[in-house]
Amino acid sequence: NWKSSDSPVRDERCAEYLSLVTALKAEILEF
C-alpha cells in the first residue's frame, strides 16, 4: 500500500515496513 502511495512520507514508511518484513522473515526462520 505504501509503495503505491503518493504521500510525502511514502519512502520513510516503505523503509519501515521493509525492515519489519525482513525481521519477521528472520523470526519465522528462527521458529
PDB file of all heavy atoms in Angstrom:
ATOM      1  N   ASN A   1       0.823  -1.214   0.000  1.00  0.00           N
ATOM      2  CA  ASN A   1       0.000   0.000   0.000  1.00  0.00           C
ATOM      3  C   ASN A   1       0.853   1.259   0.000  1.00  0.00           C
ATOM      4  O   ASN A   1       0.562   2.220  -0.717  1.00  0.00           O
ATOM      5  CB  ASN A   1      -0.939   0.013   1.213  1.00  0.00           C
ATOM      6  CG  ASN A   1      -2.046  -1.005   1.094  1.00  0.00           C
ATOM      7  OD1 ASN A   1      -2.414  -1.434   0.002  1.00  0.00           O
ATOM      8  ND2 ASN A   1      -2.585  -1.425   2.228  1.00  0.00           N
ATOM      9  N   TRP A   2       1.911   1.258   0.802  1.00  0.00           N
ATOM     10  CA  TRP A   2       2.775   2.427   0.850  1.00  0.00           C
ATOM     11  C   TRP A   2       3.545   2.612  -0.452  1.00  0.00           C
ATOM     12  O   TRP A   2       3.792   3.745  -0.877  1.00  0.00           O
ATOM     13  CB  TRP A   2       3.730   2.358   2.035  1.00  0.00           C
ATOM     14  CG  TRP A   2       3.070   2.805   3.299  1.00  0.00           C
ATOM     15  CD1 TRP A   2       2.692   2.027   4.353  1.00  0.00           C
ATOM     16  CD2 TRP A   2       2.677   4.129   3.635  1.00  0.00           C
ATOM     17  NE1 TRP A   2       2.082   2.792   5.311  1.00  0.00           N
ATOM     18  CE2 TRP A   2       2.066   4.084   4.902  1.00  0.00           C
ATOM     19  CE3 TRP A   2       2.785   5.360   2.986  1.00  0.00           C
ATOM     20  CZ2 TRP A   2       1.568   5.223   5.526  1.00  0.00           C
ATOM     21  CZ3 TRP A   2       2.290   6.500   3.610  1.00  0.00           C
ATOM     22  CH2 TRP A   2       1.691   6.427   4.865  1.00  0.00           C
ATOM     23  N   LYS A   3       3.913   1.525  -1.091  1.00  0.00           N
ATOM     24  CA  LYS A   3       4.633   1.638  -2.370  1.00  0.00           C
ATOM     25  C   LYS A   3       3.791   2.341  -3.426  1.00  0.00           C
ATOM     26  O   LYS A   3       4.325   3.025  -4.295  1.00  0.00           O
ATOM     27  CB  LYS A   3       5.053   0.253  -2.876  1.00  0.00           C
ATOM     28  CG  LYS A   3       6.269  -0.293  -2.185  1.00  0.00           C
ATOM     29  CD  LYS A   3       6.665  -1.637  -2.777  1.00  0.00           C
ATOM     30  CE  LYS A   3       7.940  -2.167  -2.148  1.00  0.00           C
ATOM     31  NZ  LYS A   3       8.333  -3.466  -2.713  1.00  0.00           N
ATOM     32  N   SER A   4       2.484   2.159  -3.350  1.00  0.00           N
ATOM     33  CA  SER A   4       1.610   2.778  -4.352  1.00  0.00           C
ATOM     34  C   SER A   4       1.054   4.126  -3.887  1.00  0.00           C
ATOM     35  O   SER A   4       0.265   4.747  -4.588  1.00  0.00           O
ATOM     36  CB  SER A   4       0.463   1.832  -4.704  1.00  0.00           C
ATOM     37  OG  SER A   4      -0.352   1.593  -3.573  1.00  0.00           O
ATOM     38  N   SER A   5       1.489   4.587  -2.740  1.00  0.00           N
ATOM     39  CA  SER A   5       1.021   5.849  -2.178  1.00  0.00           C
ATOM     40  C   SER A   5       1.773   7.027  -2.789  1.00  0.00           C
ATOM     41  O   SER A   5       2.913   6.902  -3.223  1.00  0.00           O
ATOM     42  CB  SER A   5       1.237   5.844  -0.662  1.00  0.00           C
ATOM     43  OG  SER A   5       0.989   7.106  -0.112  1.00  0.00           O
ATOM     44  N   ASP A   6       1.111   8.173  -2.788  1.00  0.00           N
ATOM     45  CA  ASP A   6       1.796   9.391  -3.213  1.00  0.00           C
ATOM     46  C   ASP A   6       2.026  10.324  -2.020  1.00  0.00           C
ATOM     47  O   ASP A   6       2.282  11.505  -2.174  1.00  0.00           O
ATOM     48  CB  ASP A   6       1.034  10.096  -4.331  1.00  0.00           C
ATOM     49  CG  ASP A   6      -0.391  10.466  -3.930  1.00  0.00           C
ATOM     50  OD1 ASP A   6      -0.790  10.204  -2.785  1.00  0.00           O
ATOM     51  OD2 ASP A   6      -1.098  11.033  -4.784  1.00  0.00           O
ATOM     52  N   SER A   7       1.976   9.761  -0.838  1.00  0.00           N
ATOM     53  CA  SER A   7       2.192  10.508   0.390  1.00  0.00           C
ATOM     54  C   SER A   7       3.643  11.001   0.471  1.00  0.00           C
ATOM     55  O   SER A   7       4.564  10.317   0.023  1.00  0.00           O
ATOM     56  CB  SER A   7       1.897   9.617   1.596  1.00  0.00           C
ATOM     57  OG  SER A   7       2.315  10.225   2.792  1.00  0.00           O
ATOM     58  N   PRO A   8       3.851  12.153   1.078  1.00  0.00           N
ATOM     59  CA  PRO A   8       5.222  12.647   1.241  1.00  0.00           C
ATOM     60  C   PRO A   8       6.073  11.767   2.165  1.00  0.00           C
ATOM     61  O   PRO A   8       7.294  11.823   2.105  1.00  0.00           O
ATOM     62  CB  PRO A   8       5.056  14.049   1.844  1.00  0.00           C
ATOM     63  CG  PRO A   8       3.611  14.251   2.085  1.00  0.00           C
ATOM     64  CD  PRO A   8       2.847  13.100   1.532  1.00  0.00           C
ATOM     65  N   VAL A   9       5.440  10.937   2.974  1.00  0.00           N
ATOM     66  CA  VAL A   9       6.195  10.045   3.866  1.00  0.00           C
ATOM     67  C   VAL A   9       6.314   8.632   3.294  1.00  0.00           C
ATOM     68  O   VAL A   9       6.722   7.701   3.983  1.00  0.00           O
ATOM     69  CB  VAL A   9       5.575  10.001   5.288  1.00  0.00           C
ATOM     70  CG1 VAL A   9       5.652  11.358   5.950  1.00  0.00           C
ATOM     71  CG2 VAL A   9       4.155   9.477   5.249  1.00  0.00           C
ATOM     72  N   ARG A  10       5.979   8.483   2.035  1.00  0.00           N
ATOM     73  CA  ARG A  10       5.977   7.173   1.376  1.00  0.00           C
ATOM     74  C   ARG A  10       7.300   6.435   1.551  1.00  0.00           C
ATOM     75  O   ARG A  10       7.331   5.287   1.998  1.00  0.00           O
ATOM     76  CB  ARG A  10       5.662   7.334  -0.105  1.00  0.00           C
ATOM     77  CG  ARG A  10       5.792   6.075  -0.899  1.00  0.00           C
ATOM     78  CD  ARG A  10       5.561   6.348  -2.398  1.00  0.00           C
ATOM     79  NE  ARG A  10       5.933   5.184  -3.144  1.00  0.00           N
ATOM     80  CZ  ARG A  10       7.072   5.065  -3.809  1.00  0.00           C
ATOM     81  NH1 ARG A  10       7.941   6.052  -3.844  1.00  0.00           N
ATOM     82  NH2 ARG A  10       7.338   3.956  -4.460  1.00  0.00           N
ATOM     83  N   ASP A  11       8.398   7.061   1.195  1.00  0.00           N
ATOM     84  CA  ASP A  11       9.697   6.385   1.237  1.00  0.00           C
ATOM     85  C   ASP A  11      10.070   5.966   2.659  1.00  0.00           C
ATOM     86  O   ASP A  11      10.596   4.869   2.879  1.00  0.00           O
ATOM     87  CB  ASP A  11      10.793   7.274   0.643  1.00  0.00           C
ATOM     88  CG  ASP A  11      10.621   7.454  -0.862  1.00  0.00           C
ATOM     89  OD1 ASP A  11       9.878   6.662  -1.492  1.00  0.00           O
ATOM     90  OD2 ASP A  11      11.226   8.393  -1.408  1.00  0.00           O
ATOM     91  N   GLU A  12       9.766   6.830   3.609  1.00  0.00           N
ATOM     92  CA  GLU A  12      10.068   6.517   5.005  1.00  0.00           C
ATOM     93  C   GLU A  12       9.248   5.309   5.471  1.00  0.00           C
ATOM     94  O   GLU A  12       9.777   4.398   6.113  1.00  0.00           O
ATOM     95  CB  GLU A  12       9.753   7.735   5.875  1.00  0.00           C
ATOM     96  CG  GLU A  12      10.081   7.556   7.327  1.00  0.00           C
ATOM     97  CD  GLU A  12       9.752   8.793   8.146  1.00  0.00           C
ATOM     98  OE1 GLU A  12       9.722   9.916   7.592  1.00  0.00           O
ATOM     99  OE2 GLU A  12       9.528   8.627   9.351  1.00  0.00           O
ATOM    100  N   ARG A  13       7.961   5.295   5.149  1.00  0.00           N
ATOM    101  CA  ARG A  13       7.103   4.182   5.565  1.00  0.00           C
ATOM    102  C   ARG A  13       7.482   2.891   4.834  1.00  0.00           C
ATOM    103  O   ARG A  13       7.468   1.813   5.429  1.00  0.00           O
ATOM    104  CB  ARG A  13       5.625   4.500   5.324  1.00  0.00           C
ATOM    105  CG  ARG A  13       5.080   5.620   6.153  1.00  0.00           C
ATOM    106  CD  ARG A  13       5.146   5.300   7.649  1.00  0.00           C
ATOM    107  NE  ARG A  13       4.684   6.412   8.424  1.00  0.00           N
ATOM    108  CZ  ARG A  13       5.469   7.311   9.014  1.00  0.00           C
ATOM    109  NH1 ARG A  13       6.778   7.205   8.932  1.00  0.00           N
ATOM    110  NH2 ARG A  13       4.962   8.310   9.698  1.00  0.00           N
ATOM    111  N   CYS A  14       7.838   2.994   3.581  1.00  0.00           N
ATOM    112  CA  CYS A  14       8.280   1.804   2.840  1.00  0.00           C
ATOM    113  C   CYS A  14       9.516   1.203   3.496  1.00  0.00           C
ATOM    114  O   CYS A  14       9.604  -0.019   3.664  1.00  0.00           O
ATOM    115  CB  CYS A  14       8.564   2.153   1.378  1.00  0.00           C
ATOM    116  SG  CYS A  14       7.092   2.344   0.361  1.00  0.00           S
ATOM    117  N   ALA A  15      10.446   2.048   3.881  1.00  0.00           N
ATOM    118  CA  ALA A  15      11.660   1.556   4.540  1.00  0.00           C
ATOM    119  C   ALA A  15      11.317   0.879   5.861  1.00  0.00           C
ATOM    120  O   ALA A  15      11.877  -0.175   6.190  1.00  0.00           O
ATOM    121  CB  ALA A  15      12.642   2.706   4.761  1.00  0.00           C
ATOM    122  N   GLU A  16      10.400   1.468   6.611  1.00  0.00           N
ATOM    123  CA  GLU A  16       9.996   0.884   7.890  1.00  0.00           C
ATOM    124  C   GLU A  16       9.349  -0.483   7.695  1.00  0.00           C
ATOM    125  O   GLU A  16       9.677  -1.440   8.407  1.00  0.00           O
ATOM    126  CB  GLU A  16       9.021   1.810   8.621  1.00  0.00           C
ATOM    127  CG  GLU A  16       9.660   3.072   9.143  1.00  0.00           C
ATOM    128  CD  GLU A  16       8.640   4.076   9.657  1.00  0.00           C
ATOM    129  OE1 GLU A  16       7.417   3.819   9.593  1.00  0.00           O
ATOM    130  OE2 GLU A  16       9.073   5.148  10.137  1.00  0.00           O
ATOM    131  N   TYR A  17       8.425  -0.579   6.743  1.00  0.00           N
ATOM    132  CA  TYR A  17       7.740  -1.850   6.528  1.00  0.00           C
ATOM    133  C   TYR A  17       8.663  -2.893   5.905  1.00  0.00           C
ATOM    134  O   TYR A  17       8.554  -4.075   6.206  1.00  0.00           O
ATOM    135  CB  TYR A  17       6.459  -1.662   5.712  1.00  0.00           C
ATOM    136  CG  TYR A  17       5.322  -1.229   6.594  1.00  0.00           C
ATOM    137  CD1 TYR A  17       4.916   0.098   6.635  1.00  0.00           C
ATOM    138  CD2 TYR A  17       4.677  -2.132   7.430  1.00  0.00           C
ATOM    139  CE1 TYR A  17       3.881   0.507   7.469  1.00  0.00           C
ATOM    140  CE2 TYR A  17       3.647  -1.730   8.271  1.00  0.00           C
ATOM    141  CZ  TYR A  17       3.256  -0.423   8.284  1.00  0.00           C
ATOM    142  OH  TYR A  17       2.238  -0.018   9.127  1.00  0.00           O
ATOM    143  N   LEU A  18       9.580  -2.466   5.060  1.00  0.00           N
ATOM    144  CA  LEU A  18      10.550  -3.403   4.506  1.00  0.00           C
ATOM    145  C   LEU A  18      11.424  -3.973   5.623  1.00  0.00           C
ATOM    146  O   LEU A  18      11.700  -5.180   5.659  1.00  0.00           O
ATOM    147  CB  LEU A  18      11.408  -2.726   3.443  1.00  0.00           C
ATOM    148  CG  LEU A  18      12.420  -3.618   2.733  1.00  0.00           C
ATOM    149  CD1 LEU A  18      11.734  -4.797   2.060  1.00  0.00           C
ATOM    150  CD2 LEU A  18      13.200  -2.807   1.718  1.00  0.00           C
ATOM    151  N   SER A  19      11.814  -3.130   6.545  1.00  0.00           N
ATOM    152  CA  SER A  19      12.595  -3.583   7.704  1.00  0.00           C
ATOM    153  C   SER A  19      11.780  -4.558   8.548  1.00  0.00           C
ATOM    154  O   SER A  19      12.306  -5.584   9.013  1.00  0.00           O
ATOM    155  CB  SER A  19      13.018  -2.373   8.537  1.00  0.00           C
ATOM    156  OG  SER A  19      13.705  -2.780   9.685  1.00  0.00           O
ATOM    157  N   LEU A  20      10.504  -4.268   8.742  1.00  0.00           N
ATOM    158  CA  LEU A  20       9.639  -5.159   9.511  1.00  0.00           C
ATOM    159  C   LEU A  20       9.487  -6.508   8.808  1.00  0.00           C
ATOM    160  O   LEU A  20       9.575  -7.562   9.452  1.00  0.00           O
ATOM    161  CB  LEU A  20       8.273  -4.504   9.724  1.00  0.00           C
ATOM    162  CG  LEU A  20       7.252  -5.314  10.504  1.00  0.00           C
ATOM    163  CD1 LEU A  20       7.775  -5.684  11.892  1.00  0.00           C
ATOM    164  CD2 LEU A  20       5.942  -4.542  10.601  1.00  0.00           C
ATOM    165  N   VAL A  21       9.273  -6.507   7.503  1.00  0.00           N
ATOM    166  CA  VAL A  21       9.159  -7.756   6.742  1.00  0.00           C
ATOM    167  C   VAL A  21      10.435  -8.573   6.897  1.00  0.00           C
ATOM    168  O   VAL A  21      10.388  -9.784   7.145  1.00  0.00           O
ATOM    169  CB  VAL A  21       8.846  -7.476   5.248  1.00  0.00           C
ATOM    170  CG1 VAL A  21       9.055  -8.714   4.389  1.00  0.00           C
ATOM    171  CG2 VAL A  21       7.417  -6.953   5.093  1.00  0.00           C
ATOM    172  N   THR A  22      11.582  -7.927   6.792  1.00  0.00           N
ATOM    173  CA  THR A  22      12.864  -8.613   6.929  1.00  0.00           C
ATOM    174  C   THR A  22      13.005  -9.241   8.315  1.00  0.00           C
ATOM    175  O   THR A  22      13.423 -10.395   8.449  1.00  0.00           O
ATOM    176  CB  THR A  22      14.017  -7.635   6.652  1.00  0.00           C
ATOM    177  OG1 THR A  22      13.885  -7.129   5.317  1.00  0.00           O
ATOM    178  CG2 THR A  22      15.368  -8.308   6.805  1.00  0.00           C
ATOM    179  N   ALA A  23      12.616  -8.493   9.337  1.00  0.00           N
ATOM    180  CA  ALA A  23      12.708  -9.006  10.715  1.00  0.00           C
ATOM    181  C   ALA A  23      11.745 -10.172  10.933  1.00  0.00           C
ATOM    182  O   ALA A  23      12.100 -11.169  11.580  1.00  0.00           O
ATOM    183  CB  ALA A  23      12.412  -7.888  11.709  1.00  0.00           C
ATOM    184  N   LEU A  24      10.554 -10.082  10.392  1.00  0.00           N
ATOM    185  CA  LEU A  24       9.574 -11.162  10.547  1.00  0.00           C
ATOM    186  C   LEU A  24      10.029 -12.427   9.822  1.00  0.00           C
ATOM    187  O   LEU A  24       9.859 -13.535  10.327  1.00  0.00           O
ATOM    188  CB  LEU A  24       8.193 -10.710  10.048  1.00  0.00           C
ATOM    189  CG  LEU A  24       7.499  -9.687  10.938  1.00  0.00           C
ATOM    190  CD1 LEU A  24       6.324  -9.042  10.204  1.00  0.00           C
ATOM    191  CD2 LEU A  24       7.036 -10.325  12.241  1.00  0.00           C
ATOM    192  N   LYS A  25      10.617 -12.266   8.651  1.00  0.00           N
ATOM    193  CA  LYS A  25      11.146 -13.432   7.934  1.00  0.00           C
ATOM    194  C   LYS A  25      12.245 -14.107   8.747  1.00  0.00           C
ATOM    195  O   LYS A  25      12.293 -15.341   8.830  1.00  0.00           O
ATOM    196  CB  LYS A  25      11.670 -13.009   6.557  1.00  0.00           C
ATOM    197  CG  LYS A  25      10.576 -12.687   5.573  1.00  0.00           C
ATOM    198  CD  LYS A  25      11.048 -12.046   4.283  1.00  0.00           C
ATOM    199  CE  LYS A  25      12.316 -12.536   3.718  1.00  0.00           C
ATOM    200  NZ  LYS A  25      12.742 -11.851   2.488  1.00  0.00           N
ATOM    201  N   ALA A  26      13.112 -13.318   9.362  1.00  0.00           N
ATOM    202  CA  ALA A  26      14.173 -13.882  10.196  1.00  0.00           C
ATOM    203  C   ALA A  26      13.582 -14.609  11.396  1.00  0.00           C
ATOM    204  O   ALA A  26      14.044 -15.696  11.772  1.00  0.00           O
ATOM    205  CB  ALA A  26      15.113 -12.774  10.656  1.00  0.00           C
ATOM    206  N   GLU A  27      12.545 -14.045  11.987  1.00  0.00           N
ATOM    207  CA  GLU A  27      11.913 -14.678  13.140  1.00  0.00           C
ATOM    208  C   GLU A  27      11.220 -15.984  12.742  1.00  0.00           C
ATOM    209  O   GLU A  27      11.270 -16.968  13.484  1.00  0.00           O
ATOM    210  CB  GLU A  27      10.906 -13.704  13.766  1.00  0.00           C
ATOM    211  CG  GLU A  27      10.501 -14.088  15.156  1.00  0.00           C
ATOM    212  CD  GLU A  27       9.710 -13.005  15.868  1.00  0.00           C
ATOM    213  OE1 GLU A  27       9.724 -11.829  15.434  1.00  0.00           O
ATOM    214  OE2 GLU A  27       9.058 -13.355  16.869  1.00  0.00           O
ATOM    215  N   ILE A  28      10.616 -15.997  11.578  1.00  0.00           N
ATOM    216  CA  ILE A  28       9.992 -17.232  11.087  1.00  0.00           C
ATOM    217  C   ILE A  28      11.053 -18.307  10.892  1.00  0.00           C
ATOM    218  O   ILE A  28      10.856 -19.467  11.278  1.00  0.00           O
ATOM    219  CB  ILE A  28       9.195 -16.963   9.790  1.00  0.00           C
ATOM    220  CG1 ILE A  28       7.905 -16.206  10.137  1.00  0.00           C
ATOM    221  CG2 ILE A  28       8.890 -18.256   9.036  1.00  0.00           C
ATOM    222  CD1 ILE A  28       7.144 -15.674   8.941  1.00  0.00           C
ATOM    223  N   LEU A  29      12.183 -17.941  10.313  1.00  0.00           N
ATOM    224  CA  LEU A  29      13.267 -18.908  10.140  1.00  0.00           C
ATOM    225  C   LEU A  29      13.775 -19.434  11.474  1.00  0.00           C
ATOM    226  O   LEU A  29      14.040 -20.632  11.616  1.00  0.00           O
ATOM    227  CB  LEU A  29      14.419 -18.285   9.351  1.00  0.00           C
ATOM    228  CG  LEU A  29      14.279 -18.266   7.847  1.00  0.00           C
ATOM    229  CD1 LEU A  29      15.477 -17.577   7.208  1.00  0.00           C
ATOM    230  CD2 LEU A  29      14.112 -19.665   7.289  1.00  0.00           C
ATOM    231  N   GLU A  30      13.891 -18.557  12.450  1.00  0.00           N
ATOM    232  CA  GLU A  30      14.325 -18.985  13.788  1.00  0.00           C
ATOM    233  C   GLU A  30      13.326 -19.981  14.372  1.00  0.00           C
ATOM    234  O   GLU A  30      13.715 -20.990  14.964  1.00  0.00           O
ATOM    235  CB  GLU A  30      14.462 -17.781  14.716  1.00  0.00           C
ATOM    236  CG  GLU A  30      15.650 -16.907  14.426  1.00  0.00           C
ATOM    237  CD  GLU A  30      15.692 -15.669  15.304  1.00  0.00           C
ATOM    238  OE1 GLU A  30      15.010 -15.632  16.347  1.00  0.00           O
ATOM    239  OE2 GLU A  30      16.415 -14.724  14.943  1.00  0.00           O
ATOM    240  N   PHE A  31      12.052 -19.695  14.209  1.00  0.00           N
ATOM    241  CA  PHE A  31      10.996 -20.577  14.698  1.00  0.00           C
ATOM    242  C   PHE A  31      11.103 -21.943  14.020  1.00  0.00           C
ATOM    243  O   PHE A  31      11.043 -22.990  14.673  1.00  0.00           O
ATOM    244  CB  PHE A  31       9.638 -19.938  14.392  1.00  0.00           C
ATOM    245  CG  PHE A  31       8.609 -20.085  15.460  1.00  0.00           C
ATOM    246  CD1 PHE A  31       8.139 -18.972  16.125  1.00  0.00           C
ATOM    247  CD2 PHE A  31       8.071 -21.322  15.789  1.00  0.00           C
ATOM    248  CE1 PHE A  31       7.164 -19.074  17.099  1.00  0.00           C
ATOM    249  CE2 PHE A  31       7.102 -21.444  16.762  1.00  0.00           C
ATOM    250  CZ  PHE A  31       6.647 -20.320  17.425  1.00  0.00           C
TER     251      PHE A  31
END
